[in-house]
Amino acid sequence: MTGPISDDFSLKIKSSGYQWAATGAAPVNPTYVSGAVNEVFTTGDFKYGPQTAKPVPGTLGVWSLPFYSGQNINDPETAQNLMFIDLYLGNTSDRSSIDSGSAKVEFELDGIFDSTSSFNVYSWATVASIGNGTINWTNRLSTNPLEAGQSGYSINTTAIAAVPEPGQAALLGAGVSAFALTRRKRSA
């Protein structure tokens, strides 16, 4: 997420999908779990950043991919604060399964003002060419917004700040005033 993070920021995540014992082979006896994660994250959950590029698996610490399509990773104004959320799920290749075997993520995001929030995916692999038992994949993004084959999700907002809700006394006063005006018009 770019910019300062507001104190009223919240991100509710609910993940649903398949779990199984990691063995290095194809999933055996995967079990569907609704709400593997069902949690609200707040400002304090941003543990990393600000960074202008996301970490790339297998590049020995070189951060070189944008957080969102078309981001200029050389511009410090595009720096993001990061939180990593383990969904406690995996994807299966059984397309006849619930949600075609993919992890499902439902979210509610509040308290973002004049910023960009980006959602990216990382995947752990038991066996992979880069290294066994490591994070080996992330979604493909480019600094060129016209490049084909990109994936990811971003929310951009230009809202300056939340509009405060009136207190109960202000609402009661407005209601009484409206009632008094209505009575006055009827009397006339």
N, C-alpha and C. Protein backbone atom coordinates (compact mmCIF):
# COMPACT_ATOMS: atom_id res chain seq x y z
N MET A 1 0.85 -1.16 0.00
CA MET A 1 0.00 0.00 0.00
C MET A 1 0.90 1.23 0.00
N THR A 2 0.63 2.19 -0.88
CA THR A 2 1.42 3.40 -0.95
C THR A 2 0.97 4.41 0.10
N GLY A 3 1.84 5.39 0.32
CA GLY A 3 1.49 6.51 1.19
C GLY A 3 1.40 6.13 2.64
N PRO A 4 1.13 7.14 3.47
CA PRO A 4 0.95 6.84 4.89
C PRO A 4 -0.32 5.99 5.07
N ILE A 5 -0.27 5.07 6.00
CA ILE A 5 -1.40 4.19 6.25
C ILE A 5 -2.23 4.80 7.37
N SER A 6 -3.52 4.97 7.11
CA SER A 6 -4.39 5.62 8.10
C SER A 6 -4.60 4.71 9.30
N ASP A 7 -4.88 5.32 10.45
CA ASP A 7 -5.11 4.57 11.68
C ASP A 7 -6.37 3.71 11.59
N ASP A 8 -7.31 4.08 10.70
CA ASP A 8 -8.54 3.30 10.60
C ASP A 8 -8.50 2.29 9.45
N PHE A 9 -7.28 1.99 8.96
CA PHE A 9 -7.14 0.97 7.91
C PHE A 9 -7.54 -0.38 8.46
N SER A 10 -8.29 -1.15 7.65
CA SER A 10 -8.57 -2.54 7.99
C SER A 10 -8.75 -3.35 6.70
N LEU A 11 -8.30 -4.57 6.75
CA LEU A 11 -8.42 -5.51 5.64
C LEU A 11 -8.93 -6.82 6.21
N LYS A 12 -10.16 -7.17 5.85
CA LYS A 12 -10.73 -8.44 6.29
C LYS A 12 -10.50 -9.45 5.19
N ILE A 13 -9.89 -10.57 5.53
CA ILE A 13 -9.59 -11.64 4.57
C ILE A 13 -10.30 -12.92 5.02
N LYS A 14 -10.98 -13.55 4.06
CA LYS A 14 -11.52 -14.89 4.28
C LYS A 14 -11.03 -15.74 3.11
N SER A 15 -10.28 -16.80 3.42
CA SER A 15 -9.78 -17.68 2.37
C SER A 15 -10.46 -19.04 2.47
N SER A 16 -10.79 -19.61 1.33
CA SER A 16 -11.40 -20.94 1.27
C SER A 16 -10.75 -21.72 0.15
N GLY A 17 -10.61 -23.02 0.36
CA GLY A 17 -9.99 -23.86 -0.66
C GLY A 17 -9.53 -25.17 -0.06
N TYR A 18 -8.51 -25.74 -0.67
CA TYR A 18 -8.08 -27.09 -0.31
C TYR A 18 -6.80 -27.13 0.52
N GLN A 19 -6.79 -28.06 1.48
CA GLN A 19 -5.61 -28.34 2.29
C GLN A 19 -5.30 -29.83 2.18
N TRP A 20 -4.00 -30.17 2.27
CA TRP A 20 -3.56 -31.56 2.28
C TRP A 20 -2.15 -31.61 2.85
N ALA A 21 -1.69 -32.78 3.19
CA ALA A 21 -0.34 -32.94 3.72
C ALA A 21 0.66 -32.76 2.57
N ALA A 22 1.61 -31.86 2.74
CA ALA A 22 2.63 -31.61 1.72
C ALA A 22 3.61 -32.79 1.71
N THR A 23 3.72 -33.45 0.57
CA THR A 23 4.58 -34.62 0.47
C THR A 23 5.59 -34.51 -0.66
N GLY A 24 5.46 -33.54 -1.51
CA GLY A 24 6.33 -33.43 -2.68
C GLY A 24 5.71 -34.06 -3.90
N ALA A 25 4.58 -34.71 -3.73
CA ALA A 25 3.85 -35.31 -4.84
C ALA A 25 2.54 -34.54 -5.03
N ALA A 26 1.74 -34.97 -5.98
CA ALA A 26 0.43 -34.35 -6.20
C ALA A 26 -0.40 -34.44 -4.92
N PRO A 27 -1.34 -33.51 -4.71
CA PRO A 27 -2.17 -33.54 -3.51
C PRO A 27 -2.88 -34.90 -3.36
N VAL A 28 -2.82 -35.44 -2.15
CA VAL A 28 -3.51 -36.68 -1.82
C VAL A 28 -4.58 -36.37 -0.78
N ASN A 29 -5.81 -36.76 -1.06
CA ASN A 29 -6.94 -36.53 -0.17
C ASN A 29 -7.09 -35.06 0.25
N PRO A 30 -7.14 -34.14 -0.71
CA PRO A 30 -7.34 -32.74 -0.32
C PRO A 30 -8.71 -32.55 0.32
N THR A 31 -8.76 -31.70 1.32
CA THR A 31 -9.99 -31.39 2.04
C THR A 31 -10.33 -29.93 1.84
N TYR A 32 -11.60 -29.66 1.48
CA TYR A 32 -12.04 -28.27 1.29
C TYR A 32 -12.28 -27.63 2.66
N VAL A 33 -11.73 -26.44 2.85
CA VAL A 33 -11.88 -25.69 4.10
C VAL A 33 -12.43 -24.30 3.78
N SER A 34 -13.57 -23.97 4.35
CA SER A 34 -14.13 -22.63 4.21
C SER A 34 -13.66 -21.80 5.40
N GLY A 35 -13.00 -20.70 5.13
CA GLY A 35 -12.51 -19.84 6.21
C GLY A 35 -11.22 -20.34 6.83
N ALA A 36 -10.31 -20.85 6.00
CA ALA A 36 -8.98 -21.24 6.52
C ALA A 36 -8.34 -20.04 7.22
N VAL A 37 -8.51 -18.87 6.63
CA VAL A 37 -8.17 -17.60 7.28
C VAL A 37 -9.46 -16.80 7.29
N ASN A 38 -9.81 -16.26 8.44
CA ASN A 38 -10.97 -15.40 8.56
C ASN A 38 -10.59 -14.36 9.62
N GLU A 39 -9.91 -13.31 9.16
CA GLU A 39 -9.24 -12.41 10.10
C GLU A 39 -9.26 -10.98 9.58
N VAL A 40 -9.18 -10.03 10.49
CA VAL A 40 -9.06 -8.62 10.15
C VAL A 40 -7.64 -8.17 10.44
N PHE A 41 -7.00 -7.57 9.43
CA PHE A 41 -5.64 -7.06 9.56
C PHE A 41 -5.70 -5.54 9.64
N THR A 42 -4.76 -4.94 10.39
CA THR A 42 -4.77 -3.50 10.61
C THR A 42 -3.40 -2.90 10.30
N THR A 43 -3.26 -1.63 10.55
CA THR A 43 -2.02 -0.90 10.25
C THR A 43 -0.79 -1.60 10.82
N GLY A 44 -0.89 -2.15 12.02
CA GLY A 44 0.24 -2.81 12.66
C GLY A 44 0.71 -4.07 11.96
N ASP A 45 -0.08 -4.59 11.03
CA ASP A 45 0.30 -5.81 10.31
C ASP A 45 1.22 -5.54 9.13
N PHE A 46 1.44 -4.28 8.78
CA PHE A 46 2.41 -3.95 7.74
C PHE A 46 3.79 -4.02 8.37
N LYS A 47 4.55 -5.06 8.05
CA LYS A 47 5.84 -5.31 8.70
C LYS A 47 7.03 -4.90 7.85
N TYR A 48 6.82 -4.68 6.56
CA TYR A 48 7.94 -4.42 5.65
C TYR A 48 7.66 -3.18 4.82
N GLY A 49 8.74 -2.53 4.39
CA GLY A 49 8.60 -1.40 3.50
C GLY A 49 8.95 -0.11 4.21
N PRO A 50 8.85 0.97 3.47
CA PRO A 50 8.38 1.02 2.09
C PRO A 50 9.45 0.53 1.09
N GLN A 51 8.98 -0.16 0.06
CA GLN A 51 9.81 -0.69 -1.02
C GLN A 51 9.17 -0.32 -2.35
N THR A 52 9.97 -0.08 -3.38
CA THR A 52 9.40 0.25 -4.70
C THR A 52 9.22 -0.98 -5.58
N ALA A 53 9.74 -2.13 -5.18
CA ALA A 53 9.57 -3.36 -5.98
C ALA A 53 9.33 -4.52 -5.03
N LYS A 54 8.63 -5.54 -5.55
CA LYS A 54 8.32 -6.69 -4.70
C LYS A 54 9.43 -7.73 -4.78
N PRO A 55 9.59 -8.52 -3.72
CA PRO A 55 10.61 -9.56 -3.75
C PRO A 55 10.30 -10.60 -4.81
N VAL A 56 11.37 -11.10 -5.43
CA VAL A 56 11.22 -12.08 -6.50
C VAL A 56 11.84 -13.39 -6.04
N PRO A 57 11.10 -14.48 -6.06
CA PRO A 57 11.67 -15.76 -5.65
C PRO A 57 12.87 -16.14 -6.52
N GLY A 58 13.89 -16.66 -5.87
CA GLY A 58 15.02 -17.21 -6.60
C GLY A 58 16.05 -16.22 -7.10
N THR A 59 15.93 -14.94 -6.76
CA THR A 59 16.90 -13.97 -7.27
C THR A 59 17.85 -13.48 -6.18
N LEU A 60 17.98 -14.24 -5.13
CA LEU A 60 18.93 -13.93 -4.06
C LEU A 60 18.78 -12.51 -3.51
N GLY A 61 17.55 -12.15 -3.19
CA GLY A 61 17.31 -10.88 -2.54
C GLY A 61 17.12 -9.69 -3.46
N VAL A 62 17.17 -9.87 -4.77
CA VAL A 62 16.97 -8.76 -5.69
C VAL A 62 15.47 -8.52 -5.86
N TRP A 63 15.06 -7.33 -5.52
CA TRP A 63 13.65 -6.97 -5.67
C TRP A 63 13.53 -6.22 -6.99
N SER A 64 12.86 -6.81 -7.98
CA SER A 64 12.88 -6.20 -9.30
C SER A 64 11.53 -6.17 -10.02
N LEU A 65 10.46 -6.69 -9.43
CA LEU A 65 9.16 -6.68 -10.09
C LEU A 65 8.26 -5.60 -9.48
N PRO A 66 7.42 -4.96 -10.29
CA PRO A 66 6.50 -3.95 -9.75
C PRO A 66 5.40 -4.61 -8.92
N PHE A 67 4.79 -3.83 -8.06
CA PHE A 67 3.64 -4.30 -7.28
C PHE A 67 2.38 -4.30 -8.12
N TYR A 68 2.31 -3.41 -9.11
CA TYR A 68 1.14 -3.31 -9.98
C TYR A 68 1.60 -2.99 -11.39
N SER A 69 0.77 -3.33 -12.34
CA SER A 69 1.09 -3.13 -13.76
C SER A 69 1.36 -1.65 -14.06
N GLY A 70 2.49 -1.38 -14.69
CA GLY A 70 2.83 -0.03 -15.09
C GLY A 70 3.54 0.78 -14.02
N GLN A 71 3.78 0.23 -12.85
CA GLN A 71 4.46 0.96 -11.78
C GLN A 71 5.90 1.27 -12.19
N ASN A 72 6.34 2.49 -11.91
CA ASN A 72 7.73 2.86 -12.13
C ASN A 72 8.49 2.52 -10.85
N ILE A 73 9.23 1.41 -10.87
CA ILE A 73 9.92 0.95 -9.65
C ILE A 73 11.10 1.84 -9.28
N ASN A 74 11.45 2.81 -10.14
CA ASN A 74 12.52 3.75 -9.82
C ASN A 74 12.00 5.03 -9.18
N ASP A 75 10.67 5.15 -9.03
CA ASP A 75 10.05 6.33 -8.45
C ASP A 75 9.73 6.07 -6.98
N PRO A 76 10.40 6.76 -6.04
CA PRO A 76 10.14 6.51 -4.62
C PRO A 76 8.70 6.83 -4.21
N GLU A 77 7.98 7.63 -5.00
CA GLU A 77 6.59 7.95 -4.68
C GLU A 77 5.68 6.72 -4.83
N THR A 78 6.16 5.69 -5.51
CA THR A 78 5.35 4.47 -5.71
C THR A 78 5.68 3.39 -4.69
N ALA A 79 6.50 3.71 -3.69
CA ALA A 79 6.91 2.73 -2.67
C ALA A 79 5.68 2.20 -1.92
N GLN A 80 5.72 0.92 -1.62
CA GLN A 80 4.61 0.25 -0.94
C GLN A 80 5.06 -0.29 0.41
N ASN A 81 4.13 -0.32 1.34
CA ASN A 81 4.32 -1.02 2.60
C ASN A 81 3.72 -2.41 2.41
N LEU A 82 4.32 -3.43 3.01
CA LEU A 82 3.92 -4.80 2.74
C LEU A 82 3.49 -5.55 3.99
N MET A 83 2.52 -6.45 3.77
CA MET A 83 2.20 -7.48 4.75
C MET A 83 2.05 -8.77 3.96
N PHE A 84 2.48 -9.86 4.54
CA PHE A 84 2.36 -11.16 3.91
C PHE A 84 1.32 -11.96 4.71
N ILE A 85 0.34 -12.53 4.02
CA ILE A 85 -0.73 -13.27 4.67
C ILE A 85 -0.73 -14.70 4.11
N ASP A 86 -0.51 -15.66 4.98
CA ASP A 86 -0.58 -17.07 4.59
C ASP A 86 -2.05 -17.46 4.57
N LEU A 87 -2.54 -17.92 3.42
CA LEU A 87 -3.94 -18.30 3.28
C LEU A 87 -4.21 -19.71 3.81
N TYR A 88 -3.16 -20.47 4.12
CA TYR A 88 -3.27 -21.85 4.61
C TYR A 88 -4.00 -22.75 3.63
N LEU A 89 -3.76 -22.54 2.33
CA LEU A 89 -4.42 -23.30 1.27
C LEU A 89 -3.46 -23.56 0.14
N GLY A 90 -3.85 -24.45 -0.75
CA GLY A 90 -3.10 -24.69 -1.98
C GLY A 90 -4.06 -24.80 -3.15
N ASN A 91 -3.52 -24.79 -4.35
CA ASN A 91 -4.32 -24.99 -5.55
C ASN A 91 -4.14 -26.42 -6.02
N THR A 92 -5.22 -27.03 -6.46
CA THR A 92 -5.13 -28.36 -7.06
C THR A 92 -5.34 -28.22 -8.56
N SER A 93 -5.04 -29.25 -9.29
CA SER A 93 -5.26 -29.21 -10.74
C SER A 93 -6.58 -29.88 -11.11
N ASP A 94 -7.40 -30.23 -10.11
CA ASP A 94 -8.69 -30.88 -10.36
C ASP A 94 -9.75 -29.80 -10.62
N ARG A 95 -10.00 -29.53 -11.87
CA ARG A 95 -10.93 -28.45 -12.25
C ARG A 95 -12.39 -28.81 -11.96
N SER A 96 -12.68 -30.07 -11.58
CA SER A 96 -14.04 -30.44 -11.21
C SER A 96 -14.30 -30.16 -9.73
N SER A 97 -13.28 -29.73 -9.00
CA SER A 97 -13.40 -29.42 -7.57
C SER A 97 -14.09 -28.07 -7.36
N ILE A 98 -14.42 -27.77 -6.13
CA ILE A 98 -15.01 -26.47 -5.78
C ILE A 98 -14.05 -25.37 -6.21
N ASP A 99 -14.59 -24.32 -6.83
CA ASP A 99 -13.78 -23.20 -7.34
C ASP A 99 -12.66 -23.67 -8.26
N SER A 100 -12.92 -24.77 -8.97
CA SER A 100 -11.95 -25.35 -9.92
C SER A 100 -10.63 -25.72 -9.26
N GLY A 101 -10.66 -25.98 -7.96
CA GLY A 101 -9.45 -26.37 -7.24
C GLY A 101 -8.58 -25.20 -6.82
N SER A 102 -9.02 -23.97 -7.10
CA SER A 102 -8.22 -22.78 -6.77
C SER A 102 -8.60 -22.23 -5.40
N ALA A 103 -7.67 -21.51 -4.80
CA ALA A 103 -7.96 -20.82 -3.54
C ALA A 103 -8.89 -19.65 -3.83
N LYS A 104 -9.85 -19.43 -2.95
CA LYS A 104 -10.79 -18.32 -3.09
C LYS A 104 -10.50 -17.33 -1.96
N VAL A 105 -10.37 -16.05 -2.32
CA VAL A 105 -10.08 -15.02 -1.33
C VAL A 105 -11.17 -13.97 -1.41
N GLU A 106 -11.87 -13.77 -0.30
CA GLU A 106 -12.87 -12.70 -0.19
C GLU A 106 -12.26 -11.65 0.73
N PHE A 107 -12.48 -10.37 0.39
CA PHE A 107 -11.88 -9.33 1.22
C PHE A 107 -12.77 -8.11 1.31
N GLU A 108 -12.59 -7.36 2.39
CA GLU A 108 -13.19 -6.04 2.60
C GLU A 108 -12.04 -5.13 3.00
N LEU A 109 -11.92 -3.99 2.32
CA LEU A 109 -10.83 -3.07 2.56
C LEU A 109 -11.40 -1.71 2.94
N ASP A 110 -10.99 -1.19 4.08
CA ASP A 110 -11.47 0.11 4.55
C ASP A 110 -10.29 0.97 4.97
N GLY A 111 -10.49 2.28 4.94
CA GLY A 111 -9.49 3.21 5.45
C GLY A 111 -8.32 3.44 4.51
N ILE A 112 -8.56 3.34 3.19
CA ILE A 112 -7.49 3.67 2.25
C ILE A 112 -7.82 5.02 1.61
N PHE A 113 -6.87 5.93 1.65
CA PHE A 113 -7.09 7.28 1.15
C PHE A 113 -5.90 7.70 0.30
N ASP A 114 -6.18 8.19 -0.90
CA ASP A 114 -5.15 8.69 -1.81
C ASP A 114 -3.97 7.72 -1.90
N SER A 115 -4.27 6.48 -2.26
CA SER A 115 -3.22 5.47 -2.30
C SER A 115 -3.56 4.36 -3.29
N THR A 116 -2.62 3.46 -3.46
CA THR A 116 -2.80 2.25 -4.26
C THR A 116 -2.56 1.06 -3.37
N SER A 117 -3.50 0.14 -3.36
CA SER A 117 -3.35 -1.12 -2.63
C SER A 117 -3.21 -2.23 -3.66
N SER A 118 -2.18 -3.03 -3.55
CA SER A 118 -1.91 -4.09 -4.52
C SER A 118 -1.93 -5.44 -3.83
N PHE A 119 -2.50 -6.42 -4.53
CA PHE A 119 -2.56 -7.78 -4.04
C PHE A 119 -1.73 -8.65 -4.97
N ASN A 120 -0.77 -9.36 -4.42
CA ASN A 120 0.10 -10.23 -5.20
C ASN A 120 0.12 -11.61 -4.55
N VAL A 121 0.50 -12.60 -5.33
CA VAL A 121 0.48 -13.98 -4.87
C VAL A 121 1.90 -14.55 -4.84
N TYR A 122 2.18 -15.29 -3.80
CA TYR A 122 3.42 -16.07 -3.72
C TYR A 122 3.03 -17.51 -3.43
N SER A 123 3.82 -18.45 -3.92
CA SER A 123 3.49 -19.85 -3.71
C SER A 123 4.72 -20.63 -3.28
N TRP A 124 4.54 -21.45 -2.28
CA TRP A 124 5.59 -22.30 -1.74
C TRP A 124 5.58 -23.62 -2.50
N ALA A 125 6.74 -24.20 -2.74
CA ALA A 125 6.83 -25.47 -3.46
C ALA A 125 7.73 -26.44 -2.72
N THR A 126 7.25 -27.67 -2.59
CA THR A 126 8.05 -28.71 -1.96
C THR A 126 9.25 -29.05 -2.84
N VAL A 127 8.99 -29.18 -4.17
CA VAL A 127 10.04 -29.53 -5.12
C VAL A 127 10.00 -28.51 -6.25
N ALA A 128 11.12 -27.83 -6.52
CA ALA A 128 11.16 -26.83 -7.59
C ALA A 128 12.60 -26.67 -8.07
N SER A 129 12.75 -26.16 -9.28
CA SER A 129 14.08 -26.01 -9.87
C SER A 129 14.94 -24.98 -9.14
N ILE A 130 14.32 -23.96 -8.55
CA ILE A 130 15.08 -22.91 -7.86
C ILE A 130 15.58 -23.42 -6.51
N GLY A 131 14.76 -24.17 -5.82
CA GLY A 131 15.13 -24.71 -4.52
C GLY A 131 13.96 -25.41 -3.88
N ASN A 132 14.17 -26.57 -3.37
CA ASN A 132 13.08 -27.32 -2.74
C ASN A 132 12.68 -26.68 -1.41
N GLY A 133 11.38 -26.72 -1.12
CA GLY A 133 10.88 -26.20 0.13
C GLY A 133 11.04 -24.70 0.27
N THR A 134 10.82 -23.97 -0.82
CA THR A 134 10.96 -22.51 -0.79
C THR A 134 9.79 -21.86 -1.52
N ILE A 135 9.71 -20.55 -1.39
CA ILE A 135 8.74 -19.79 -2.19
C ILE A 135 9.34 -19.65 -3.59
N ASN A 136 8.62 -20.15 -4.58
CA ASN A 136 9.18 -20.22 -5.92
C ASN A 136 8.40 -19.46 -6.97
N TRP A 137 7.20 -19.03 -6.69
CA TRP A 137 6.41 -18.38 -7.72
C TRP A 137 5.74 -17.12 -7.19
N THR A 138 5.56 -16.17 -8.09
CA THR A 138 4.74 -14.99 -7.83
C THR A 138 4.03 -14.64 -9.12
N ASN A 139 2.99 -13.83 -9.03
CA ASN A 139 2.26 -13.45 -10.24
C ASN A 139 3.12 -12.54 -11.11
N ARG A 140 2.86 -12.58 -12.42
CA ARG A 140 3.66 -11.85 -13.40
C ARG A 140 3.13 -10.43 -13.57
N LEU A 141 4.00 -9.46 -13.38
CA LEU A 141 3.68 -8.05 -13.61
C LEU A 141 4.83 -7.40 -14.35
N SER A 142 4.54 -6.26 -14.97
CA SER A 142 5.57 -5.54 -15.72
C SER A 142 5.42 -4.05 -15.49
N THR A 143 6.53 -3.33 -15.63
CA THR A 143 6.47 -1.87 -15.57
C THR A 143 5.81 -1.33 -16.83
N ASN A 144 5.69 -2.15 -17.88
CA ASN A 144 5.00 -1.78 -19.12
C ASN A 144 3.54 -2.23 -19.02
N PRO A 145 2.59 -1.31 -18.86
CA PRO A 145 1.19 -1.70 -18.67
C PRO A 145 0.59 -2.40 -19.90
N LEU A 146 1.23 -2.29 -21.07
CA LEU A 146 0.70 -2.92 -22.28
C LEU A 146 1.24 -4.33 -22.50
N GLU A 147 2.17 -4.76 -21.69
CA GLU A 147 2.74 -6.10 -21.85
C GLU A 147 1.69 -7.17 -21.54
N ALA A 148 1.58 -8.15 -22.41
CA ALA A 148 0.58 -9.21 -22.28
C ALA A 148 0.95 -10.19 -21.18
N GLY A 149 -0.05 -10.89 -20.66
CA GLY A 149 0.18 -11.98 -19.72
C GLY A 149 0.36 -11.57 -18.27
N GLN A 150 0.00 -10.36 -17.91
CA GLN A 150 0.17 -9.91 -16.53
C GLN A 150 -1.01 -10.36 -15.67
N SER A 151 -0.75 -10.52 -14.38
CA SER A 151 -1.81 -10.84 -13.44
C SER A 151 -1.53 -10.10 -12.13
N GLY A 152 -2.56 -9.89 -11.38
CA GLY A 152 -2.44 -9.16 -10.12
C GLY A 152 -3.70 -8.35 -9.94
N TYR A 153 -3.84 -7.70 -8.79
CA TYR A 153 -5.04 -6.94 -8.50
C TYR A 153 -4.64 -5.71 -7.71
N SER A 154 -5.13 -4.55 -8.14
CA SER A 154 -4.81 -3.29 -7.45
C SER A 154 -6.07 -2.45 -7.30
N ILE A 155 -6.10 -1.67 -6.24
CA ILE A 155 -7.18 -0.71 -6.00
C ILE A 155 -6.53 0.65 -5.86
N ASN A 156 -6.98 1.60 -6.68
CA ASN A 156 -6.48 2.98 -6.62
C ASN A 156 -7.58 3.88 -6.11
N THR A 157 -7.24 4.78 -5.20
CA THR A 157 -8.23 5.74 -4.72
C THR A 157 -7.59 7.12 -4.64
N THR A 158 -8.40 8.13 -4.92
CA THR A 158 -7.95 9.51 -4.80
C THR A 158 -8.67 10.21 -3.65
N ALA A 159 -9.43 9.44 -2.86
CA ALA A 159 -10.12 10.02 -1.71
C ALA A 159 -9.10 10.63 -0.76
N ILE A 160 -9.40 11.81 -0.25
CA ILE A 160 -8.45 12.50 0.63
C ILE A 160 -8.52 11.97 2.05
N ALA A 161 -9.72 11.80 2.60
CA ALA A 161 -9.89 11.26 3.95
C ALA A 161 -11.33 10.87 4.13
N ALA A 162 -11.58 10.12 5.17
CA ALA A 162 -12.95 9.69 5.46
C ALA A 162 -13.79 10.89 5.89
N VAL A 163 -15.05 10.88 5.53
CA VAL A 163 -15.97 11.90 5.98
C VAL A 163 -16.49 11.45 7.34
N PRO A 164 -16.27 12.24 8.38
CA PRO A 164 -16.70 11.79 9.71
C PRO A 164 -18.21 11.70 9.79
N GLU A 165 -18.68 10.68 10.49
CA GLU A 165 -20.12 10.53 10.70
C GLU A 165 -20.53 11.46 11.82
N PRO A 166 -21.71 12.07 11.69
CA PRO A 166 -22.17 12.95 12.77
C PRO A 166 -22.48 12.14 14.03
N GLY A 167 -22.28 12.77 15.18
CA GLY A 167 -22.59 12.12 16.44
C GLY A 167 -24.09 12.01 16.65
N GLN A 168 -24.52 11.26 17.67
CA GLN A 168 -25.95 11.08 17.94
C GLN A 168 -26.64 12.40 18.27
N ALA A 169 -25.98 13.27 19.00
CA ALA A 169 -26.60 14.56 19.36
C ALA A 169 -26.88 15.38 18.10
N ALA A 170 -25.94 15.39 17.15
CA ALA A 170 -26.14 16.15 15.91
C ALA A 170 -27.29 15.56 15.11
N LEU A 171 -27.40 14.23 15.06
CA LEU A 171 -28.50 13.60 14.33
C LEU A 171 -29.84 13.90 15.00
N LEU A 172 -29.89 13.87 16.34
CA LEU A 172 -31.12 14.17 17.07
C LEU A 172 -31.53 15.62 16.84
N GLY A 173 -30.55 16.54 16.88
CA GLY A 173 -30.83 17.95 16.63
C GLY A 173 -31.35 18.18 15.22
N ALA A 174 -30.76 17.51 14.24
CA ALA A 174 -31.22 17.64 12.85
C ALA A 174 -32.64 17.10 12.71
N GLY A 175 -32.92 16.00 13.39
CA GLY A 175 -34.27 15.40 13.33
C GLY A 175 -35.31 16.31 13.95
N VAL A 176 -35.01 16.90 15.11
CA VAL A 176 -35.93 17.81 15.79
C VAL A 176 -36.15 19.05 14.93
N SER A 177 -35.08 19.59 14.33
CA SER A 177 -35.21 20.77 13.47
C SER A 177 -36.10 20.46 12.27
N ALA A 178 -35.91 19.30 11.65
CA ALA A 178 -36.73 18.92 10.50
C ALA A 178 -38.18 18.77 10.92
N PHE A 179 -38.43 18.20 12.11
CA PHE A 179 -39.80 18.04 12.62
C PHE A 179 -40.42 19.41 12.88
N ALA A 180 -39.64 20.33 13.47
CA ALA A 180 -40.15 21.67 13.76
C ALA A 180 -40.48 22.41 12.46
N LEU A 181 -39.64 22.31 11.45
CA LEU A 181 -39.92 22.95 10.16
C LEU A 181 -41.16 22.37 9.51
N THR A 182 -41.35 21.06 9.61
CA THR A 182 -42.52 20.42 9.04
C THR A 182 -43.78 20.91 9.75
N ARG A 183 -43.76 21.02 11.09
CA ARG A 183 -44.92 21.50 11.86
C ARG A 183 -45.22 22.95 11.52
N ARG A 184 -44.19 23.78 11.36
CA ARG A 184 -44.37 25.18 11.06
C ARG A 184 -45.05 25.34 9.69
N LYS A 185 -44.63 24.56 8.71
CA LYS A 185 -45.24 24.64 7.38
C LYS A 185 -46.70 24.23 7.41
N ARG A 186 -47.04 23.24 8.22
CA ARG A 186 -48.44 22.78 8.32
C ARG A 186 -49.30 23.85 9.00
N SER A 187 -48.72 24.57 9.95
CA SER A 187 -49.47 25.58 10.69
C SER A 187 -49.81 26.78 9.83
N ALA A 188 -48.97 27.08 8.87
CA ALA A 188 -49.13 28.29 8.08
C ALA A 188 -50.26 28.24 7.14
